[in-house]
Amino acid sequence: KYNVVYQIDGVTPDDYIVPSTKTYYIDNLVTLDTLEVGTEINGYRFLGWTLPSGVTLDSNGQFTMPNKQVTITGKFEEIKYNVSYKFQGELPPNYEQYIPATHQVAPGKTVTLQPEPSDVTNYEFVGWLKEDGFIMPEEDVVVVGEWVRRIGYFYPEITVSVLPVVCSSIF
């Protein structure tokens, strides 16, 4: 008799219980635990089971017990969503170079927005239209930034003219 041992590589979601070790005789059919790839548990997604070399699953999710212990390793990944950026308004030339890179954040975590781009000649970046430090929802988020075009400055010229006062007096 040999054991089939399940283990998780890396993080294990809260409330997930690793399948218990079971003992089988050589040549018994062993059915792999039914946790399916893509199953989501408490913010984590199951990526699948890895079997040791020489152990192969059939189409029914079973394998024949070899004459040695079999350790089956599962793996989860934390579910994260994208925070991407785009601009609106009157855009400066080559504005694409100022768009921050997309990054991923887990739901419920605080999102720190990327720094605002520097102003460009004749254009001013007004800001992101979303508050910094928002809580990430369970979906992708697009943060919009707005630009305005600076037309230029107008300096009025004010001149003051004093007209001579003519006094005439009649006595």
C-alpha atoms as a PDB file:
ATOM      1  CA  LYS A   1       0.000   0.000   0.000  1.00  0.00           C
ATOM      2  CA  TYR A   2       1.107   3.549  -0.788  1.00  0.00           C
ATOM      3  CA  ASN A   3      -0.192   7.006   0.015  1.00  0.00           C
ATOM      4  CA  VAL A   4      -1.613   9.678  -2.249  1.00  0.00           C
ATOM      5  CA  VAL A   5      -0.694  13.005  -0.668  1.00  0.00           C
ATOM      6  CA  TYR A   6      -2.140  16.378  -1.710  1.00  0.00           C
ATOM      7  CA  GLN A   7      -0.259  19.611  -1.091  1.00  0.00           C
ATOM      8  CA  ILE A   8      -0.579  23.225  -2.165  1.00  0.00           C
ATOM      9  CA  ASP A   9       2.373  25.134  -3.615  1.00  0.00           C
ATOM     10  CA  GLY A  10       2.287  28.768  -2.456  1.00  0.00           C
ATOM     11  CA  VAL A  11      -0.725  30.471  -0.928  1.00  0.00           C
ATOM     12  CA  THR A  12      -3.830  28.635   0.203  1.00  0.00           C
ATOM     13  CA  PRO A  13      -7.137  30.538   0.394  1.00  0.00           C
ATOM     14  CA  ASP A  14      -8.839  30.879   3.758  1.00  0.00           C
ATOM     15  CA  ASP A  15     -11.433  28.151   4.310  1.00  0.00           C
ATOM     16  CA  TYR A  16      -9.841  25.790   1.751  1.00  0.00           C
ATOM     17  CA  ILE A  17      -9.042  22.370   3.155  1.00  0.00           C
ATOM     18  CA  VAL A  18      -6.390  20.357   1.338  1.00  0.00           C
ATOM     19  CA  PRO A  19      -7.665  16.849   0.520  1.00  0.00           C
ATOM     20  CA  SER A  20      -6.563  14.330   3.114  1.00  0.00           C
ATOM     21  CA  THR A  21      -3.935  11.671   2.483  1.00  0.00           C
ATOM     22  CA  LYS A  22      -5.409   8.357   1.350  1.00  0.00           C
ATOM     23  CA  THR A  23      -3.850   4.918   1.078  1.00  0.00           C
ATOM     24  CA  TYR A  24      -4.210   2.688  -2.008  1.00  0.00           C
ATOM     25  CA  TYR A  25      -2.963  -0.703  -3.141  1.00  0.00           C
ATOM     26  CA  ILE A  26      -0.737  -0.937  -6.213  1.00  0.00           C
ATOM     27  CA  ASP A  27      -2.808  -0.920  -9.455  1.00  0.00           C
ATOM     28  CA  ASN A  28      -5.927   0.522  -7.755  1.00  0.00           C
ATOM     29  CA  LEU A  29      -7.685   3.275  -9.704  1.00  0.00           C
ATOM     30  CA  VAL A  30      -7.302   6.605  -7.927  1.00  0.00           C
ATOM     31  CA  THR A  31      -9.714   9.452  -8.708  1.00  0.00           C
ATOM     32  CA  LEU A  32      -8.131  12.896  -8.580  1.00  0.00           C
ATOM     33  CA  ASP A  33      -9.724  15.417  -6.229  1.00  0.00           C
ATOM     34  CA  THR A  34     -12.542  17.185  -8.075  1.00  0.00           C
ATOM     35  CA  LEU A  35     -11.446  20.791  -7.514  1.00  0.00           C
ATOM     36  CA  GLU A  36     -11.603  22.112 -11.067  1.00  0.00           C
ATOM     37  CA  VAL A  37      -9.224  24.535 -12.741  1.00  0.00           C
ATOM     38  CA  GLY A  38     -10.637  28.060 -12.508  1.00  0.00           C
ATOM     39  CA  THR A  39     -12.598  27.478  -9.292  1.00  0.00           C
ATOM     40  CA  GLU A  40     -12.593  30.683  -7.211  1.00  0.00           C
ATOM     41  CA  ILE A  41     -12.303  30.518  -3.446  1.00  0.00           C
ATOM     42  CA  ASN A  42     -12.106  33.642  -1.250  1.00  0.00           C
ATOM     43  CA  GLY A  43     -10.236  35.825  -3.750  1.00  0.00           C
ATOM     44  CA  TYR A  44      -8.049  33.059  -5.219  1.00  0.00           C
ATOM     45  CA  ARG A  45      -8.344  31.066  -8.446  1.00  0.00           C
ATOM     46  CA  PHE A  46      -7.325  27.400  -8.620  1.00  0.00           C
ATOM     47  CA  LEU A  47      -4.741  26.793 -11.366  1.00  0.00           C
ATOM     48  CA  GLY A  48      -4.788  22.993 -11.266  1.00  0.00           C
ATOM     49  CA  TRP A  49      -3.078  19.870  -9.986  1.00  0.00           C
ATOM     50  CA  THR A  50       0.367  18.661 -11.023  1.00  0.00           C
ATOM     51  CA  LEU A  51       1.126  14.953 -10.927  1.00  0.00           C
ATOM     52  CA  PRO A  52       4.615  13.503 -10.535  1.00  0.00           C
ATOM     53  CA  SER A  53       6.376  12.122 -13.611  1.00  0.00           C
ATOM     54  CA  GLY A  54       5.225   8.662 -14.605  1.00  0.00           C
ATOM     55  CA  VAL A  55       1.679   9.222 -13.304  1.00  0.00           C
ATOM     56  CA  THR A  56      -0.874  10.018 -16.004  1.00  0.00           C
ATOM     57  CA  LEU A  57      -4.548  10.897 -15.740  1.00  0.00           C
ATOM     58  CA  ASP A  58      -7.042   9.198 -18.019  1.00  0.00           C
ATOM     59  CA  SER A  59     -10.086  10.923 -19.517  1.00  0.00           C
ATOM     60  CA  ASN A  60     -12.097  10.162 -16.340  1.00  0.00           C
ATOM     61  CA  GLY A  61      -9.654  12.016 -14.070  1.00  0.00           C
ATOM     62  CA  GLN A  62      -8.179   8.784 -12.720  1.00  0.00           C
ATOM     63  CA  PHE A  63      -4.737   7.193 -12.575  1.00  0.00           C
ATOM     64  CA  THR A  64      -3.438   3.739 -11.690  1.00  0.00           C
ATOM     65  CA  MET A  65      -1.623   3.632  -8.341  1.00  0.00           C
ATOM     66  CA  PRO A  66       2.096   2.932  -8.915  1.00  0.00           C
ATOM     67  CA  ASN A  67       4.342   1.101  -6.473  1.00  0.00           C
ATOM     68  CA  LYS A  68       5.387   4.319  -4.720  1.00  0.00           C
ATOM     69  CA  GLN A  69       3.872   7.273  -2.864  1.00  0.00           C
ATOM     70  CA  VAL A  70       2.238   9.869  -5.127  1.00  0.00           C
ATOM     71  CA  THR A  71       2.364  13.555  -4.158  1.00  0.00           C
ATOM     72  CA  ILE A  72      -0.103  15.719  -6.066  1.00  0.00           C
ATOM     73  CA  THR A  73       0.566  19.468  -5.966  1.00  0.00           C
ATOM     74  CA  GLY A  74      -2.070  22.154  -6.491  1.00  0.00           C
ATOM     75  CA  LYS A  75      -1.581  25.868  -7.030  1.00  0.00           C
ATOM     76  CA  PHE A  76      -3.728  28.982  -6.516  1.00  0.00           C
ATOM     77  CA  GLU A  77      -3.271  32.556  -7.703  1.00  0.00           C
ATOM     78  CA  GLU A  78      -4.690  35.686  -6.129  1.00  0.00           C
ATOM     79  CA  ILE A  79      -7.418  37.187  -8.293  1.00  0.00           C
ATOM     80  CA  LYS A  80      -6.495  40.701  -9.391  1.00  0.00           C
ATOM     81  CA  TYR A  81      -8.073  43.212 -11.741  1.00  0.00           C
ATOM     82  CA  ASN A  82      -6.512  45.783 -14.066  1.00  0.00           C
ATOM     83  CA  VAL A  83      -6.204  49.485 -13.345  1.00  0.00           C
ATOM     84  CA  SER A  84      -5.561  51.162 -16.715  1.00  0.00           C
ATOM     85  CA  TYR A  85      -5.380  54.791 -17.759  1.00  0.00           C
ATOM     86  CA  LYS A  86      -6.635  56.897 -20.654  1.00  0.00           C
ATOM     87  CA  PHE A  87      -6.825  60.599 -21.465  1.00  0.00           C
ATOM     88  CA  GLN A  88      -9.573  62.882 -22.664  1.00  0.00           C
ATOM     89  CA  GLY A  89      -9.806  66.513 -23.620  1.00  0.00           C
ATOM     90  CA  GLU A  90      -7.587  68.300 -26.094  1.00  0.00           C
ATOM     91  CA  LEU A  91      -4.597  65.976 -26.166  1.00  0.00           C
ATOM     92  CA  PRO A  92      -0.986  67.038 -26.660  1.00  0.00           C
ATOM     93  CA  PRO A  93       1.089  65.568 -29.492  1.00  0.00           C
ATOM     94  CA  ASN A  94       2.467  62.110 -28.650  1.00  0.00           C
ATOM     95  CA  TYR A  95       0.139  61.875 -25.639  1.00  0.00           C
ATOM     96  CA  GLU A  96       0.490  58.065 -25.682  1.00  0.00           C
ATOM     97  CA  GLN A  97       3.918  58.364 -24.074  1.00  0.00           C
ATOM     98  CA  TYR A  98       2.329  59.933 -20.974  1.00  0.00           C
ATOM     99  CA  ILE A  99      -0.220  57.158 -20.342  1.00  0.00           C
ATOM    100  CA  PRO A 100       0.862  55.193 -17.234  1.00  0.00           C
ATOM    101  CA  ALA A 101       1.281  51.433 -17.472  1.00  0.00           C
ATOM    102  CA  THR A 102      -1.604  49.188 -16.486  1.00  0.00           C
ATOM    103  CA  HIS A 103      -1.162  47.523 -13.096  1.00  0.00           C
ATOM    104  CA  GLN A 104      -3.124  44.905 -11.198  1.00  0.00           C
ATOM    105  CA  VAL A 105      -4.742  45.206  -7.797  1.00  0.00           C
ATOM    106  CA  ALA A 106      -6.680  42.673  -5.725  1.00  0.00           C
ATOM    107  CA  PRO A 107     -10.315  43.510  -4.879  1.00  0.00           C
ATOM    108  CA  GLY A 108     -10.714  45.314  -1.566  1.00  0.00           C
ATOM    109  CA  LYS A 109      -7.187  46.758  -1.673  1.00  0.00           C
ATOM    110  CA  THR A 110      -6.435  50.487  -1.797  1.00  0.00           C
ATOM    111  CA  VAL A 111      -5.397  51.749  -5.233  1.00  0.00           C
ATOM    112  CA  THR A 112      -2.626  54.330  -5.465  1.00  0.00           C
ATOM    113  CA  LEU A 113      -2.925  56.225  -8.736  1.00  0.00           C
ATOM    114  CA  GLN A 114       0.120  56.715 -10.929  1.00  0.00           C
ATOM    115  CA  PRO A 115       1.763  60.160 -10.772  1.00  0.00           C
ATOM    116  CA  GLU A 116       0.294  62.848 -12.977  1.00  0.00           C
ATOM    117  CA  PRO A 117       2.271  63.521 -16.151  1.00  0.00           C
ATOM    118  CA  SER A 118       4.213  66.751 -16.462  1.00  0.00           C
ATOM    119  CA  ASP A 119       2.692  69.581 -18.424  1.00  0.00           C
ATOM    120  CA  VAL A 120       3.641  69.756 -22.078  1.00  0.00           C
ATOM    121  CA  THR A 121       4.257  72.947 -24.032  1.00  0.00           C
ATOM    122  CA  ASN A 122       0.867  74.583 -24.642  1.00  0.00           C
ATOM    123  CA  TYR A 123      -0.967  71.829 -22.679  1.00  0.00           C
ATOM    124  CA  GLU A 124      -1.782  71.438 -19.020  1.00  0.00           C
ATOM    125  CA  PHE A 125      -2.715  68.180 -17.317  1.00  0.00           C
ATOM    126  CA  VAL A 126      -5.782  68.923 -15.184  1.00  0.00           C
ATOM    127  CA  GLY A 127      -5.674  65.650 -13.214  1.00  0.00           C
ATOM    128  CA  TRP A 128      -7.149  62.188 -12.813  1.00  0.00           C
ATOM    129  CA  LEU A 129     -10.939  62.107 -12.639  1.00  0.00           C
ATOM    130  CA  LYS A 130     -10.859  59.464  -9.884  1.00  0.00           C
ATOM    131  CA  GLU A 131      -9.764  59.932  -6.278  1.00  0.00           C
ATOM    132  CA  ASP A 132      -6.417  58.491  -5.240  1.00  0.00           C
ATOM    133  CA  GLY A 133      -6.785  55.752  -2.626  1.00  0.00           C
ATOM    134  CA  PHE A 134     -10.076  54.269  -3.867  1.00  0.00           C
ATOM    135  CA  ILE A 135     -10.921  50.672  -2.957  1.00  0.00           C
ATOM    136  CA  MET A 136     -10.517  48.225  -5.852  1.00  0.00           C
ATOM    137  CA  PRO A 137     -13.812  46.622  -6.948  1.00  0.00           C
ATOM    138  CA  GLU A 138     -14.148  43.127  -8.414  1.00  0.00           C
ATOM    139  CA  GLU A 139     -13.746  44.417 -11.974  1.00  0.00           C
ATOM    140  CA  ASP A 140     -11.263  46.249 -14.177  1.00  0.00           C
ATOM    141  CA  VAL A 141     -11.095  50.027 -13.709  1.00  0.00           C
ATOM    142  CA  VAL A 142     -10.154  52.688 -16.270  1.00  0.00           C
ATOM    143  CA  VAL A 143      -8.879  55.927 -14.744  1.00  0.00           C
ATOM    144  CA  VAL A 144      -9.408  58.949 -16.982  1.00  0.00           C
ATOM    145  CA  GLY A 145      -7.082  61.940 -17.004  1.00  0.00           C
ATOM    146  CA  GLU A 146      -7.914  65.256 -18.585  1.00  0.00           C
ATOM    147  CA  TRP A 147      -5.809  67.728 -20.547  1.00  0.00           C
ATOM    148  CA  VAL A 148      -6.564  71.300 -21.583  1.00  0.00           C
ATOM    149  CA  ARG A 149      -4.825  73.393 -24.167  1.00  0.00           C
ATOM    150  CA  ARG A 150      -3.325  76.656 -23.041  1.00  0.00           C
ATOM    151  CA  ILE A 151      -4.056  79.280 -25.654  1.00  0.00           C
ATOM    152  CA  GLY A 152      -1.484  81.683 -24.318  1.00  0.00           C
ATOM    153  CA  TYR A 153      -1.440  84.738 -22.163  1.00  0.00           C
ATOM    154  CA  PHE A 154      -2.925  88.086 -22.945  1.00  0.00           C
ATOM    155  CA  TYR A 155      -1.255  91.132 -21.458  1.00  0.00           C
ATOM    156  CA  PRO A 156      -3.407  94.176 -21.998  1.00  0.00           C
ATOM    157  CA  GLU A 157      -1.587  97.436 -22.451  1.00  0.00           C
ATOM    158  CA  ILE A 158      -3.198 100.191 -20.522  1.00  0.00           C
ATOM    159  CA  THR A 159      -2.158 103.774 -21.176  1.00  0.00           C
ATOM    160  CA  VAL A 160      -3.375 106.725 -19.321  1.00  0.00           C
ATOM    161  CA  SER A 161      -3.611 110.064 -20.987  1.00  0.00           C
ATOM    162  CA  VAL A 162      -4.152 113.192 -19.047  1.00  0.00           C
ATOM    163  CA  LEU A 163      -5.753 115.904 -21.063  1.00  0.00           C
ATOM    164  CA  PRO A 164      -4.705 119.414 -20.278  1.00  0.00           C
ATOM    165  CA  VAL A 165      -7.310 121.372 -18.523  1.00  0.00           C
ATOM    166  CA  VAL A 166      -7.912 124.784 -19.906  1.00  0.00           C
ATOM    167  CA  CYS A 167      -9.217 127.242 -17.458  1.00  0.00           C
ATOM    168  CA  SER A 168     -10.688 130.378 -18.560  1.00  0.00           C
ATOM    169  CA  SER A 169     -11.750 132.916 -16.197  1.00  0.00           C
ATOM    170  CA  ILE A 170     -13.818 135.886 -16.994  1.00  0.00           C
ATOM    171  CA  PHE A 171     -13.685 138.741 -14.593  1.00  0.00           C
END
